N, C-alpha and C. Protein backbone atom coordinates (compact mmCIF):
# COMPACT_ATOMS: atom_id res chain seq x y z
N MET A 1 41.23 83.94 78.59
CA MET A 1 42.52 84.41 78.19
C MET A 1 42.64 85.92 78.34
N SER A 2 41.58 86.58 78.15
CA SER A 2 41.52 88.03 78.29
C SER A 2 41.84 88.44 79.73
N THR A 3 41.44 87.67 80.69
CA THR A 3 41.72 87.95 82.08
C THR A 3 43.21 87.80 82.34
N GLN A 4 43.78 86.79 81.74
CA GLN A 4 45.22 86.56 81.94
C GLN A 4 46.03 87.69 81.29
N VAL A 5 45.63 88.17 80.16
CA VAL A 5 46.30 89.29 79.49
C VAL A 5 46.13 90.53 80.34
N SER A 6 44.98 90.71 80.87
CA SER A 6 44.71 91.87 81.70
C SER A 6 45.57 91.82 82.97
N GLU A 7 45.70 90.69 83.61
CA GLU A 7 46.53 90.55 84.80
C GLU A 7 48.00 90.80 84.45
N THR A 8 48.41 90.29 83.33
CA THR A 8 49.79 90.49 82.88
C THR A 8 50.03 91.98 82.62
N GLN A 9 49.06 92.61 82.01
CA GLN A 9 49.17 94.05 81.74
C GLN A 9 49.27 94.83 83.06
N VAL A 10 48.48 94.47 84.05
CA VAL A 10 48.50 95.14 85.36
C VAL A 10 49.85 94.91 86.02
N GLN A 11 50.34 93.69 85.92
CA GLN A 11 51.65 93.37 86.52
C GLN A 11 52.77 94.14 85.82
N LEU A 12 52.67 94.25 84.50
CA LEU A 12 53.69 95.01 83.76
C LEU A 12 53.64 96.50 84.15
N GLU A 13 52.45 97.02 84.29
CA GLU A 13 52.32 98.41 84.70
C GLU A 13 52.86 98.61 86.12
N ARG A 14 52.57 97.64 86.96
CA ARG A 14 53.08 97.70 88.35
C ARG A 14 54.59 97.61 88.33
N LEU A 15 55.13 96.70 87.53
CA LEU A 15 56.58 96.55 87.40
C LEU A 15 57.21 97.84 86.88
N HIS A 16 56.59 98.44 85.89
CA HIS A 16 57.07 99.70 85.32
C HIS A 16 57.04 100.80 86.40
N SER A 17 55.98 100.86 87.16
CA SER A 17 55.84 101.85 88.23
C SER A 17 56.92 101.64 89.30
N LEU A 18 57.14 100.38 89.66
CA LEU A 18 58.18 100.08 90.64
C LEU A 18 59.56 100.44 90.11
N GLN A 19 59.79 100.18 88.83
CA GLN A 19 61.09 100.52 88.22
C GLN A 19 61.30 102.04 88.24
N GLU A 20 60.27 102.79 87.97
CA GLU A 20 60.38 104.26 88.02
C GLU A 20 60.68 104.72 89.45
N GLU A 21 60.04 104.08 90.41
CA GLU A 21 60.28 104.43 91.82
C GLU A 21 61.73 104.09 92.21
N VAL A 22 62.21 102.92 91.76
CA VAL A 22 63.60 102.53 92.02
C VAL A 22 64.54 103.55 91.37
N ASN A 23 64.28 103.92 90.12
CA ASN A 23 65.12 104.91 89.44
C ASN A 23 65.12 106.24 90.19
N SER A 24 63.95 106.65 90.66
CA SER A 24 63.84 107.89 91.40
C SER A 24 64.65 107.81 92.70
N LEU A 25 64.52 106.68 93.39
CA LEU A 25 65.26 106.51 94.64
C LEU A 25 66.77 106.46 94.39
N GLU A 26 67.18 105.83 93.31
CA GLU A 26 68.62 105.80 92.99
C GLU A 26 69.14 107.19 92.66
N THR A 27 68.33 107.98 91.97
CA THR A 27 68.71 109.36 91.67
C THR A 27 68.83 110.16 92.97
N GLU A 28 67.85 109.98 93.84
CA GLU A 28 67.88 110.67 95.14
C GLU A 28 69.09 110.24 95.96
N LYS A 29 69.37 108.94 95.92
CA LYS A 29 70.54 108.41 96.63
C LYS A 29 71.82 109.04 96.10
N THR A 30 71.95 109.13 94.80
CA THR A 30 73.14 109.73 94.17
C THR A 30 73.27 111.20 94.58
N LEU A 31 72.17 111.91 94.56
CA LEU A 31 72.20 113.33 94.95
C LEU A 31 72.60 113.48 96.42
N LEU A 32 72.06 112.59 97.26
CA LEU A 32 72.41 112.64 98.68
C LEU A 32 73.89 112.30 98.89
N GLN A 33 74.40 111.33 98.14
CA GLN A 33 75.82 110.98 98.26
C GLN A 33 76.70 112.15 97.84
N GLU A 34 76.30 112.85 96.78
CA GLU A 34 77.06 114.02 96.34
C GLU A 34 77.01 115.11 97.40
N LYS A 35 75.84 115.29 97.98
CA LYS A 35 75.70 116.29 99.03
C LYS A 35 76.56 115.93 100.24
N ILE A 36 76.55 114.64 100.61
CA ILE A 36 77.38 114.19 101.73
C ILE A 36 78.85 114.43 101.43
N TYR A 37 79.26 114.15 100.21
CA TYR A 37 80.65 114.36 99.81
C TYR A 37 81.02 115.84 99.91
N GLU A 38 80.15 116.71 99.39
CA GLU A 38 80.42 118.15 99.44
C GLU A 38 80.45 118.65 100.88
N GLU A 39 79.52 118.17 101.69
CA GLU A 39 79.50 118.56 103.11
C GLU A 39 80.76 118.08 103.82
N SER A 40 81.21 116.90 103.47
CA SER A 40 82.43 116.36 104.07
C SER A 40 83.63 117.22 103.69
N LYS A 41 83.70 117.60 102.41
CA LYS A 41 84.80 118.48 101.97
C LYS A 41 84.74 119.81 102.73
N HIS A 42 83.54 120.35 102.86
CA HIS A 42 83.37 121.62 103.56
C HIS A 42 83.79 121.49 105.03
N ARG A 43 83.36 120.40 105.66
CA ARG A 43 83.73 120.15 107.05
C ARG A 43 85.23 120.02 107.21
N GLN A 44 85.88 119.32 106.28
CA GLN A 44 87.34 119.18 106.35
C GLN A 44 88.02 120.54 106.21
N GLN A 45 87.50 121.38 105.31
CA GLN A 45 88.07 122.72 105.16
C GLN A 45 87.87 123.54 106.43
N LEU A 46 86.69 123.43 107.01
CA LEU A 46 86.44 124.14 108.27
C LEU A 46 87.39 123.66 109.36
N GLN A 47 87.64 122.35 109.41
CA GLN A 47 88.56 121.80 110.40
C GLN A 47 89.97 122.33 110.17
N ARG A 48 90.40 122.39 108.91
CA ARG A 48 91.73 122.95 108.60
C ARG A 48 91.81 124.41 109.01
N ASP A 49 90.74 125.16 108.70
CA ASP A 49 90.71 126.58 109.09
C ASP A 49 90.78 126.72 110.61
N LEU A 50 90.03 125.88 111.31
CA LEU A 50 90.04 125.91 112.77
C LEU A 50 91.44 125.59 113.30
N ASP A 51 92.06 124.57 112.75
CA ASP A 51 93.42 124.21 113.17
C ASP A 51 94.39 125.35 112.92
N ASP A 52 94.26 126.01 111.75
CA ASP A 52 95.12 127.15 111.44
C ASP A 52 94.90 128.28 112.44
N LEU A 53 93.64 128.55 112.77
CA LEU A 53 93.34 129.61 113.74
C LEU A 53 93.88 129.27 115.12
N LYS A 54 93.77 128.00 115.51
CA LYS A 54 94.32 127.59 116.81
C LYS A 54 95.82 127.79 116.83
N SER A 55 96.48 127.41 115.75
CA SER A 55 97.93 127.56 115.66
C SER A 55 98.31 129.04 115.72
N GLN A 56 97.60 129.84 114.96
CA GLN A 56 97.87 131.29 114.96
C GLN A 56 97.63 131.87 116.35
N PHE A 57 96.57 131.45 117.00
CA PHE A 57 96.27 131.92 118.35
C PHE A 57 97.40 131.55 119.31
N GLN A 58 97.87 130.30 119.24
CA GLN A 58 98.96 129.86 120.12
C GLN A 58 100.22 130.69 119.87
N GLN A 59 100.52 130.94 118.59
CA GLN A 59 101.71 131.74 118.25
C GLN A 59 101.57 133.15 118.83
N GLU A 60 100.42 133.78 118.62
CA GLU A 60 100.21 135.14 119.14
C GLU A 60 100.24 135.14 120.67
N LYS A 61 99.68 134.11 121.27
CA LYS A 61 99.70 134.00 122.73
C LYS A 61 101.13 133.93 123.24
N MET A 62 101.96 133.11 122.59
CA MET A 62 103.36 132.99 123.01
C MET A 62 104.10 134.32 122.82
N GLU A 63 103.83 135.00 121.71
CA GLU A 63 104.47 136.30 121.46
C GLU A 63 104.05 137.31 122.53
N LEU A 64 102.77 137.32 122.87
CA LEU A 64 102.29 138.26 123.89
C LEU A 64 102.87 137.92 125.26
N GLN A 65 102.96 136.62 125.57
CA GLN A 65 103.55 136.22 126.85
C GLN A 65 105.00 136.67 126.91
N SER A 66 105.70 136.54 125.80
CA SER A 66 107.10 136.97 125.75
C SER A 66 107.20 138.48 125.97
N LYS A 67 106.30 139.23 125.32
CA LYS A 67 106.31 140.68 125.50
C LYS A 67 105.99 141.06 126.94
N VAL A 68 105.03 140.35 127.54
CA VAL A 68 104.66 140.62 128.93
C VAL A 68 105.85 140.36 129.85
N GLU A 69 106.54 139.24 129.64
CA GLU A 69 107.71 138.91 130.46
C GLU A 69 108.80 139.97 130.28
N LYS A 70 109.00 140.41 129.05
CA LYS A 70 110.01 141.45 128.79
C LYS A 70 109.62 142.75 129.50
N GLN A 71 108.35 143.11 129.44
CA GLN A 71 107.90 144.33 130.11
C GLN A 71 108.00 144.20 131.63
N LYS A 72 107.71 143.02 132.15
CA LYS A 72 107.87 142.81 133.60
C LYS A 72 109.31 143.00 134.00
N LYS A 73 110.24 142.43 133.20
CA LYS A 73 111.67 142.57 133.50
C LYS A 73 112.08 144.04 133.43
N GLU A 74 111.63 144.73 132.37
CA GLU A 74 111.97 146.15 132.23
C GLU A 74 111.40 146.95 133.41
N THR A 75 110.20 146.60 133.83
CA THR A 75 109.59 147.29 134.97
C THR A 75 110.38 147.03 136.24
N ARG A 76 110.79 145.77 136.45
CA ARG A 76 111.60 145.44 137.64
C ARG A 76 112.93 146.20 137.59
N ASP A 77 113.57 146.18 136.42
CA ASP A 77 114.85 146.89 136.28
C ASP A 77 114.68 148.39 136.56
N ALA A 78 113.61 148.96 136.02
CA ALA A 78 113.37 150.39 136.24
C ALA A 78 113.08 150.66 137.72
N GLN A 79 112.33 149.77 138.36
CA GLN A 79 112.03 149.93 139.78
C GLN A 79 113.31 149.85 140.61
N LEU A 80 114.17 148.89 140.28
CA LEU A 80 115.45 148.77 141.01
C LEU A 80 116.32 150.00 140.78
N ALA A 81 116.35 150.50 139.55
CA ALA A 81 117.14 151.70 139.26
C ALA A 81 116.59 152.90 140.02
N LEU A 82 115.27 153.00 140.08
CA LEU A 82 114.64 154.10 140.82
C LEU A 82 114.96 154.00 142.31
N GLU A 83 114.87 152.79 142.85
CA GLU A 83 115.20 152.60 144.27
C GLU A 83 116.66 152.94 144.54
N ALA A 84 117.55 152.54 143.65
CA ALA A 84 118.97 152.86 143.82
C ALA A 84 119.19 154.37 143.74
N ALA A 85 118.53 155.02 142.80
CA ALA A 85 118.65 156.48 142.67
C ALA A 85 118.11 157.17 143.91
N ASN A 86 117.00 156.69 144.45
CA ASN A 86 116.44 157.29 145.67
C ASN A 86 117.39 157.10 146.85
N ARG A 87 117.99 155.91 146.97
CA ARG A 87 118.96 155.70 148.07
C ARG A 87 120.17 156.62 147.92
N GLU A 88 120.64 156.77 146.70
CA GLU A 88 121.79 157.64 146.47
C GLU A 88 121.43 159.09 146.78
N ARG A 89 120.23 159.49 146.39
CA ARG A 89 119.78 160.85 146.67
C ARG A 89 119.68 161.07 148.18
N GLU A 90 119.15 160.06 148.89
CA GLU A 90 119.06 160.18 150.35
C GLU A 90 120.44 160.27 150.98
N LEU A 91 121.39 159.48 150.49
CA LEU A 91 122.76 159.54 151.02
C LEU A 91 123.39 160.91 150.75
N LEU A 92 123.19 161.42 149.54
CA LEU A 92 123.73 162.75 149.23
C LEU A 92 123.09 163.81 150.12
N HIS A 93 121.80 163.66 150.36
CA HIS A 93 121.11 164.60 151.23
C HIS A 93 121.67 164.53 152.65
N ILE A 94 121.89 163.28 153.12
CA ILE A 94 122.46 163.09 154.47
C ILE A 94 123.86 163.67 154.52
N GLN A 95 124.67 163.43 153.50
CA GLN A 95 126.04 163.95 153.47
C GLN A 95 126.02 165.47 153.44
N HIS A 96 125.15 166.04 152.63
CA HIS A 96 125.07 167.49 152.54
C HIS A 96 124.62 168.08 153.88
N LYS A 97 123.64 167.44 154.49
CA LYS A 97 123.15 167.89 155.78
C LYS A 97 124.25 167.78 156.84
N SER A 98 124.98 166.69 156.82
CA SER A 98 126.06 166.48 157.78
C SER A 98 127.17 167.51 157.55
N HIS A 99 127.48 167.80 156.31
CA HIS A 99 128.50 168.78 155.99
C HIS A 99 128.09 170.16 156.48
N ASP A 100 126.81 170.53 156.27
CA ASP A 100 126.31 171.82 156.73
C ASP A 100 126.36 171.91 158.25
N GLN A 101 126.01 170.85 158.95
CA GLN A 101 126.04 170.86 160.41
C GLN A 101 127.47 170.96 160.91
N GLY A 102 128.40 170.32 160.23
CA GLY A 102 129.81 170.40 160.63
C GLY A 102 130.32 171.81 160.50
N ASP A 103 129.95 172.52 159.46
CA ASP A 103 130.39 173.90 159.27
C ASP A 103 129.81 174.80 160.34
N LYS A 104 128.60 174.56 160.72
CA LYS A 104 127.95 175.42 161.70
C LYS A 104 128.56 175.23 163.08
N VAL A 105 128.89 174.03 163.42
CA VAL A 105 129.40 173.74 164.74
C VAL A 105 130.91 173.99 164.77
N GLY A 106 131.51 174.07 163.62
CA GLY A 106 132.94 174.29 163.58
C GLY A 106 133.70 172.99 163.56
N GLN A 107 133.04 171.94 163.30
CA GLN A 107 133.70 170.64 163.22
C GLN A 107 133.78 170.23 161.75
N PRO A 108 134.72 169.38 161.50
CA PRO A 108 134.81 168.95 160.10
C PRO A 108 133.55 168.14 159.73
N ALA A 109 133.21 168.24 158.51
CA ALA A 109 132.01 167.54 158.04
C ALA A 109 132.27 166.04 158.02
N VAL A 110 131.27 165.29 158.43
CA VAL A 110 131.36 163.83 158.40
C VAL A 110 130.86 163.41 157.02
N THR A 111 131.78 162.82 156.31
CA THR A 111 131.37 162.38 154.98
C THR A 111 131.63 160.89 154.86
N SER A 112 130.69 160.27 154.29
CA SER A 112 130.86 158.84 154.02
C SER A 112 130.27 158.58 152.65
N THR A 113 130.92 157.72 151.96
CA THR A 113 130.41 157.39 150.62
C THR A 113 130.05 155.93 150.58
N PHE A 114 128.86 155.69 150.22
CA PHE A 114 128.38 154.33 150.06
C PHE A 114 128.11 154.10 148.59
N ARG A 115 128.59 153.02 148.11
CA ARG A 115 128.31 152.66 146.73
C ARG A 115 127.51 151.37 146.74
N LEU A 116 126.49 151.37 145.94
CA LEU A 116 125.65 150.18 145.86
C LEU A 116 125.99 149.39 144.63
């Protein structure tokens, strides 16, 4: 009978040891689940931040593209105005030159006015 009590005692100790191991594993599982939950929340926040940054980047990109297009138009307008001013200056120079030549030769000055 002593052997049977001893075996029962060993089995109870083994059962107790296994129960402690199960409790430890359940505690570890709970901690890991909490960590997974926190990491998931953090990942979701990072994703929201990334989405916000992408949206902000797109908005700034569109604003810059608009500014670039406006500057291109202003540059084209200024270039056209400069070209028109140069043509007008050349015409005035030609008219002035023609007028001076007419006076020297004794002929009336040839004047023509071109408007662009």
